[in-house]
Amino acid sequence: MKFDAVLPPMHLKNVPEVARAAEEMGFDALWTTETQHDGFLPHPLIAEHTSKMKMGTAIAISFARSPGDMAYTAWDLAAQSEGRFILGLGTQVKGHITKRFGMPWPDSVVGKLREQIGAIRALWQTWQTGEKLDFRGEYYKLRLMTPFFNPGKIDYPDIPIYIAGVNTGLARLAGEVCDGFHAHPFNSPRYLREVLIPAIEEGAAKTGRSRADVAVSLTAFIATSPEEANQARMQISFYASTPSYKRVMNHHGWGEAAEKLRNHAAKGEWAEMPMLITDEMLEEFVTYADSPAGLPAALKERYGGLVDRVTVYTPFIPGEKDEFWREMVRGV
């Protein structure tokens, strides 16, 4: 099981320091999110200031971008990082795509993401081999690539594509056509084992692949104190209020609580929401240990055999909790 880190939201000028420290600490990869800042922009700096550690987006919002935009960016990052870049894509939810990015929401989420992946790979294939570009789908039709706009072949053209998801449709798609799957932090070992992993296996079987062909990456909630547990409770209450994530709550028999959380969120009643997350729920969603030293063993016991890469929800900040991170890297 690989142990990765998350780049905290920050201005680009601070990225080199964090990247160097993450590689020195021994993390296997450094992932960027796309919340307050662009998910791609830190990666040229990460690539420049590291030499061995992998890097990737977890995630870049694909429905806010065109396949061509993502293909060019990933191609350049793969070349600069000498093959260390992983393109991680996520769809986001309808409200954010239409109201925050001003982009249309598709009739089929899985269908559009499938086409985006196919179109990206079609562009990469054209650039690497010189083959004519001819991608035709419901959402995208790509037929134009003149020499002036062709970046040409690179030494590291096999760029892994991960996609993120909570429900089975995207998990099946990952098994079918992707190199990896970013399991959402709002997850549980039971949901992974009983819902997501079988869906990945089902998708993989459709194209003659197996579960081993799809790396499952998870960001885990952790807690070693009541304060950390309460922080996790607040974040979980936010995720559990999202309608498209309700299936996770339903699987555990907590659909009624999810509806109450949704109603509170719609009214902006954020302070009331954590009180609906019971200790039983926390035990499903959070990895507990009596001390930080016990977390590596707890993570391996909880997720061993289920995931291939694990990140903890706590962002890595150099100079803060360095001994904690050293123990985690050594232990995992």
Protein backbone atom coordinates (compact mmCIF):
# COMPACT_ATOMS: atom_id res chain seq x y z
CA MET A 1 0.00 0.00 0.00
CA LYS A 2 1.47 3.33 -1.12
CA PHE A 3 1.30 6.27 1.25
CA ASP A 4 0.67 9.65 -0.37
CA ALA A 5 0.20 13.26 0.71
CA VAL A 6 -2.19 16.06 -0.18
CA LEU A 7 -0.94 19.53 -1.02
CA PRO A 8 -2.85 21.99 1.18
CA PRO A 9 -4.56 24.96 -0.51
CA MET A 10 -1.82 27.56 -0.97
CA HIS A 11 -0.37 30.17 -3.28
CA LEU A 12 2.01 28.92 -5.94
CA LYS A 13 5.05 30.61 -4.39
CA ASN A 14 4.87 28.16 -1.47
CA VAL A 15 4.57 24.99 -3.55
CA PRO A 16 8.33 24.31 -4.07
CA GLU A 17 9.00 24.17 -0.33
CA VAL A 18 6.18 21.72 0.28
CA ALA A 19 7.10 19.57 -2.72
CA ARG A 20 10.72 19.24 -1.65
CA ALA A 21 9.72 18.44 1.92
CA ALA A 22 7.18 15.83 0.79
CA GLU A 23 9.78 14.00 -1.27
CA GLU A 24 12.33 14.16 1.54
CA MET A 25 9.70 12.82 3.95
CA GLY A 26 9.28 9.79 1.70
CA PHE A 27 5.73 10.11 0.38
CA ASP A 28 5.04 8.08 -2.74
CA ALA A 29 2.97 10.82 -4.40
CA LEU A 30 1.76 14.36 -3.85
CA TRP A 31 -1.83 15.08 -4.90
CA THR A 32 -3.44 18.44 -5.58
CA THR A 33 -7.09 19.22 -5.01
CA GLU A 34 -9.29 21.72 -6.83
CA THR A 35 -11.22 23.70 -4.26
CA GLN A 36 -9.81 27.21 -3.79
CA HIS A 37 -7.11 27.00 -6.48
CA ASP A 38 -6.51 25.44 -9.88
CA GLY A 39 -5.55 21.77 -9.58
CA PHE A 40 -3.01 21.74 -12.41
CA LEU A 41 -0.96 24.87 -11.78
CA PRO A 42 1.14 23.53 -8.85
CA HIS A 43 2.44 20.60 -10.88
CA PRO A 44 5.09 22.35 -12.97
CA LEU A 45 6.61 23.50 -9.68
CA ILE A 46 6.27 20.06 -8.07
CA ALA A 47 7.96 18.48 -11.09
CA GLU A 48 10.76 21.07 -11.07
CA HIS A 49 11.58 20.67 -7.38
CA THR A 50 11.36 16.86 -7.04
CA SER A 51 12.91 13.96 -8.89
CA LYS A 52 11.30 10.67 -7.79
CA MET A 53 7.93 11.30 -6.19
CA LYS A 54 4.82 10.90 -8.32
CA MET A 55 2.28 13.71 -8.56
CA GLY A 56 -1.29 14.02 -9.69
CA THR A 57 -4.63 15.78 -9.53
CA ALA A 58 -7.12 14.45 -7.00
CA ILE A 59 -9.01 15.80 -8.68
CA ALA A 60 -9.21 18.22 -11.61
CA ILE A 61 -12.82 19.02 -12.48
CA SER A 62 -13.30 17.53 -15.92
CA PHE A 63 -16.78 18.88 -16.69
CA ALA A 64 -15.43 22.42 -16.29
CA ARG A 65 -12.89 21.77 -19.08
CA SER A 66 -12.64 20.51 -22.63
CA PRO A 67 -10.80 17.27 -23.51
CA GLY A 68 -8.29 19.28 -25.53
CA ASP A 69 -7.50 21.56 -22.62
CA MET A 70 -6.84 18.60 -20.32
CA ALA A 71 -4.90 16.65 -22.95
CA TYR A 72 -2.44 19.49 -23.62
CA THR A 73 -1.88 20.20 -19.93
CA ALA A 74 -1.31 16.56 -18.98
CA TRP A 75 0.99 16.02 -21.99
CA ASP A 76 3.24 18.89 -20.94
CA LEU A 77 3.27 17.79 -17.30
CA ALA A 78 4.13 14.21 -18.22
CA ALA A 79 7.04 15.46 -20.30
CA GLN A 80 8.32 17.83 -17.62
CA SER A 81 8.01 15.31 -14.78
CA GLU A 82 9.54 12.49 -16.86
CA GLY A 83 6.51 10.29 -16.52
CA ARG A 84 5.58 10.99 -12.91
CA PHE A 85 2.29 12.80 -13.55
CA ILE A 86 -1.11 11.13 -12.98
CA LEU A 87 -4.21 12.75 -14.48
CA GLY A 88 -6.98 12.45 -11.90
CA LEU A 89 -10.42 13.61 -13.03
CA GLY A 90 -13.70 14.17 -11.24
CA THR A 91 -17.09 15.35 -12.45
CA GLN A 92 -18.18 17.46 -9.43
CA VAL A 93 -21.93 17.81 -8.85
CA LYS A 94 -24.48 19.59 -11.00
CA GLY A 95 -24.85 22.74 -8.90
CA HIS A 96 -21.15 23.53 -9.01
CA ILE A 97 -20.78 22.82 -12.73
CA THR A 98 -23.74 24.95 -13.76
CA LYS A 99 -23.66 27.69 -11.09
CA ARG A 100 -19.94 27.99 -10.25
CA PHE A 101 -18.36 27.22 -13.63
CA GLY A 102 -21.25 28.14 -15.94
CA MET A 103 -20.93 24.90 -17.88
CA PRO A 104 -23.72 22.54 -18.99
CA TRP A 105 -24.59 19.41 -17.05
CA PRO A 106 -24.79 16.30 -19.26
CA ASP A 107 -27.68 13.91 -19.65
CA SER A 108 -25.29 11.09 -18.79
CA VAL A 109 -22.49 11.71 -16.30
CA VAL A 110 -20.80 8.39 -17.04
CA GLY A 111 -21.29 8.80 -20.77
CA LYS A 112 -19.72 12.23 -20.92
CA LEU A 113 -16.76 11.30 -18.72
CA ARG A 114 -16.19 8.19 -20.83
CA GLU A 115 -16.09 10.40 -23.93
CA GLN A 116 -13.74 12.89 -22.28
CA ILE A 117 -11.30 10.09 -21.47
CA GLY A 118 -11.57 8.67 -24.98
CA ALA A 119 -11.07 12.08 -26.57
CA ILE A 120 -8.03 12.83 -24.39
CA ARG A 121 -6.44 9.53 -25.32
CA ALA A 122 -7.27 10.07 -28.99
CA LEU A 123 -5.35 13.36 -28.90
CA TRP A 124 -2.41 11.72 -27.14
CA GLN A 125 -2.39 8.93 -29.72
CA THR A 126 -2.34 11.45 -32.58
CA TRP A 127 0.50 13.43 -31.03
CA GLN A 128 2.60 10.36 -30.28
CA THR A 129 2.08 8.39 -33.51
CA GLY A 130 1.08 10.93 -36.13
CA GLU A 131 -2.19 9.09 -36.76
CA LYS A 132 -5.09 11.15 -38.05
CA LEU A 133 -7.32 12.56 -35.31
CA ASP A 134 -10.81 11.18 -35.70
CA PHE A 135 -12.80 10.93 -32.50
CA ARG A 136 -16.59 10.92 -32.81
CA GLY A 137 -18.98 10.78 -29.89
CA GLU A 138 -22.23 12.26 -28.65
CA TYR A 139 -20.56 15.14 -26.79
CA TYR A 140 -17.28 15.58 -28.69
CA LYS A 141 -16.19 15.31 -32.30
CA LEU A 142 -12.46 15.90 -32.79
CA ARG A 143 -11.11 15.84 -36.35
CA LEU A 144 -8.68 18.73 -36.64
CA MET A 145 -4.98 18.54 -35.73
CA THR A 146 -2.57 20.41 -37.94
CA PRO A 147 1.24 20.38 -37.41
CA PHE A 148 1.15 23.91 -36.02
CA PHE A 149 -0.96 22.75 -33.06
CA ASN A 150 0.59 19.31 -32.59
CA PRO A 151 3.08 19.25 -29.65
CA GLY A 152 4.67 16.07 -30.98
CA LYS A 153 5.73 12.88 -29.28
CA ILE A 154 7.21 12.69 -25.80
CA ASP A 155 9.29 10.09 -23.95
CA TYR A 156 6.52 9.32 -21.44
CA PRO A 157 3.24 9.10 -23.39
CA ASP A 158 1.50 6.50 -21.20
CA ILE A 159 -0.14 8.89 -18.77
CA PRO A 160 -2.27 7.15 -16.13
CA ILE A 161 -5.84 8.37 -15.83
CA TYR A 162 -7.68 8.03 -12.51
CA ILE A 163 -11.29 9.06 -12.01
CA ALA A 164 -13.07 9.84 -8.76
CA GLY A 165 -16.49 8.67 -7.71
CA VAL A 166 -18.87 7.76 -4.93
CA ASN A 167 -21.39 5.62 -6.79
CA THR A 168 -21.19 2.47 -8.88
CA GLY A 169 -21.48 4.01 -12.35
CA LEU A 170 -18.14 5.78 -12.16
CA ALA A 171 -16.54 2.83 -10.34
CA ARG A 172 -17.55 0.55 -13.23
CA LEU A 173 -16.19 3.10 -15.70
CA ALA A 174 -12.88 3.15 -13.83
CA GLY A 175 -12.67 -0.62 -14.06
CA GLU A 176 -13.48 -0.52 -17.73
CA VAL A 177 -11.20 2.21 -19.07
CA CYS A 178 -9.04 3.80 -16.35
CA ASP A 179 -5.76 3.14 -14.59
CA GLY A 180 -7.05 4.10 -11.17
CA PHE A 181 -10.02 5.11 -9.05
CA HIS A 182 -10.03 7.86 -6.43
CA ALA A 183 -12.48 6.68 -3.79
CA HIS A 184 -14.15 9.66 -2.13
CA PRO A 185 -13.16 10.41 1.50
CA PHE A 186 -16.82 9.91 2.39
CA ASN A 187 -16.48 6.17 2.40
CA SER A 188 -16.23 3.12 4.62
CA PRO A 189 -14.46 -0.24 4.33
CA ARG A 190 -17.88 -1.89 4.11
CA TYR A 191 -19.02 0.36 1.25
CA LEU A 192 -15.72 -0.22 -0.55
CA ARG A 193 -15.91 -3.98 -0.10
CA GLU A 194 -19.60 -4.46 -0.86
CA VAL A 195 -20.29 -1.76 -3.45
CA LEU A 196 -17.31 -0.04 -5.10
CA ILE A 197 -14.78 -2.87 -5.50
CA PRO A 198 -17.39 -5.21 -7.06
CA ALA A 199 -18.37 -2.41 -9.47
CA ILE A 200 -14.72 -1.88 -10.46
CA GLU A 201 -14.34 -5.62 -11.01
CA GLU A 202 -17.51 -5.69 -13.11
CA GLY A 203 -16.24 -2.88 -15.33
CA ALA A 204 -12.81 -4.47 -15.65
CA ALA A 205 -14.29 -7.79 -16.73
CA LYS A 206 -16.09 -6.07 -19.63
CA THR A 207 -12.74 -5.20 -21.21
CA GLY A 208 -10.83 -8.33 -20.25
CA ARG A 209 -9.09 -6.74 -17.30
CA SER A 210 -9.02 -7.47 -13.58
CA ARG A 211 -9.16 -5.55 -10.32
CA ALA A 212 -5.34 -5.60 -10.25
CA ASP A 213 -5.30 -3.36 -13.34
CA VAL A 214 -7.02 -0.52 -11.47
CA ALA A 215 -5.23 1.19 -8.58
CA VAL A 216 -7.68 2.23 -5.87
CA SER A 217 -6.65 5.38 -4.03
CA LEU A 218 -8.36 6.50 -0.83
CA THR A 219 -8.19 9.60 1.35
CA ALA A 220 -8.99 8.47 4.89
CA PHE A 221 -10.38 10.37 7.84
CA ILE A 222 -8.25 9.75 10.93
CA ALA A 223 -8.60 10.60 14.63
CA THR A 224 -6.42 10.08 17.69
CA SER A 225 -8.24 12.51 19.99
CA PRO A 226 -11.77 13.80 20.67
CA GLU A 227 -10.84 17.07 18.96
CA GLU A 228 -9.83 15.29 15.75
CA ALA A 229 -12.97 13.16 15.91
CA ASN A 230 -15.12 16.30 16.15
CA GLN A 231 -13.35 17.82 13.15
CA ALA A 232 -14.09 14.66 11.18
CA ARG A 233 -17.70 14.77 12.39
CA MET A 234 -18.11 18.26 10.92
CA GLN A 235 -16.65 17.30 7.54
CA ILE A 236 -18.64 14.08 7.33
CA SER A 237 -21.87 15.96 8.07
CA PHE A 238 -21.15 18.19 5.07
CA TYR A 239 -20.46 15.28 2.73
CA ALA A 240 -23.45 13.29 4.00
CA SER A 241 -25.76 16.21 3.12
CA THR A 242 -24.87 15.98 -0.59
CA PRO A 243 -27.72 14.29 -2.50
CA SER A 244 -25.46 12.38 -4.89
CA TYR A 245 -23.59 10.86 -1.93
CA LYS A 246 -26.76 9.60 -0.25
CA ARG A 247 -26.17 6.04 -1.43
CA VAL A 248 -23.32 5.69 1.07
CA MET A 249 -25.66 6.61 3.92
CA ASN A 250 -28.43 4.39 2.55
CA HIS A 251 -26.08 1.42 2.41
CA HIS A 252 -25.59 1.71 6.14
CA GLY A 253 -29.27 2.32 6.88
CA TRP A 254 -28.89 6.04 7.56
CA GLY A 255 -30.99 7.48 4.74
CA GLU A 256 -33.27 9.38 7.13
CA ALA A 257 -30.28 11.16 8.68
CA ALA A 258 -29.04 12.06 5.19
CA GLU A 259 -32.39 13.70 4.41
CA LYS A 260 -32.24 15.75 7.60
CA LEU A 261 -28.69 16.83 6.80
CA ARG A 262 -29.73 17.84 3.30
CA ASN A 263 -32.55 20.00 4.67
CA HIS A 264 -30.20 21.71 7.13
CA ALA A 265 -27.67 22.39 4.37
CA ALA A 266 -30.37 23.86 2.11
CA LYS A 267 -31.21 26.34 4.86
CA GLY A 268 -27.57 27.11 5.65
CA GLU A 269 -27.92 25.60 9.12
CA TRP A 270 -24.36 24.30 9.24
CA ALA A 271 -24.00 24.31 13.04
CA GLU A 272 -26.87 21.84 13.48
CA MET A 273 -25.47 19.27 11.07
CA PRO A 274 -22.59 17.65 13.05
CA MET A 275 -25.02 16.73 15.83
CA LEU A 276 -26.71 14.29 13.43
CA ILE A 277 -23.48 12.33 12.91
CA THR A 278 -23.55 9.66 15.62
CA ASP A 279 -20.58 7.85 17.14
CA GLU A 280 -21.67 4.75 15.23
CA MET A 281 -21.37 6.69 11.96
CA LEU A 282 -17.95 7.99 12.93
CA GLU A 283 -16.71 4.48 13.56
CA GLU A 284 -17.69 3.54 9.99
CA PHE A 285 -16.08 6.56 8.35
CA VAL A 286 -13.06 7.34 10.55
CA THR A 287 -9.88 5.37 11.32
CA TYR A 288 -9.22 5.59 15.06
CA ALA A 289 -6.05 4.98 17.05
CA ASP A 290 -5.08 5.67 20.65
CA SER A 291 -2.03 7.62 19.48
CA PRO A 292 -0.47 8.76 16.19
CA ALA A 293 2.00 5.88 16.47
CA GLY A 294 -0.90 3.45 16.19
CA LEU A 295 -2.40 4.93 13.03
CA PRO A 296 -0.29 3.06 10.43
CA ALA A 297 -1.32 -0.31 11.84
CA ALA A 298 -4.94 0.84 12.09
CA LEU A 299 -4.96 1.99 8.46
CA LYS A 300 -3.42 -1.25 7.23
CA GLU A 301 -5.84 -3.36 9.24
CA ARG A 302 -8.81 -1.33 7.99
CA TYR A 303 -7.87 -0.95 4.32
CA GLY A 304 -5.32 -3.68 3.61
CA GLY A 305 -6.42 -5.64 0.54
CA LEU A 306 -9.00 -2.99 -0.33
CA VAL A 307 -6.92 -0.04 -1.54
CA ASP A 308 -3.55 0.37 -3.23
CA ARG A 309 -2.82 3.95 -2.23
CA VAL A 310 -3.86 5.75 0.93
CA THR A 311 -3.74 9.42 1.89
CA VAL A 312 -4.97 10.89 5.14
CA TYR A 313 -7.39 13.81 5.09
CA THR A 314 -4.90 15.98 7.00
CA PRO A 315 -2.88 18.10 4.52
CA PHE A 316 0.90 17.85 4.71
CA ILE A 317 2.47 21.12 5.94
CA PRO A 318 6.26 21.11 6.46
CA GLY A 319 7.25 22.02 9.98
CA GLU A 320 3.90 20.96 11.42
CA LYS A 321 3.67 17.47 12.89
CA ASP A 322 6.89 16.34 11.17
CA GLU A 323 7.45 13.47 13.58
CA PHE A 324 3.86 12.34 13.02
CA TRP A 325 4.45 12.24 9.27
CA ARG A 326 7.73 10.35 9.66
CA GLU A 327 5.99 7.71 11.74
CA MET A 328 3.19 7.46 9.19
CA VAL A 329 5.57 7.07 6.24
CA ARG A 330 7.64 4.45 8.06
CA GLY A 331 4.61 2.60 9.34
CA VAL A 332 2.53 2.46 6.16
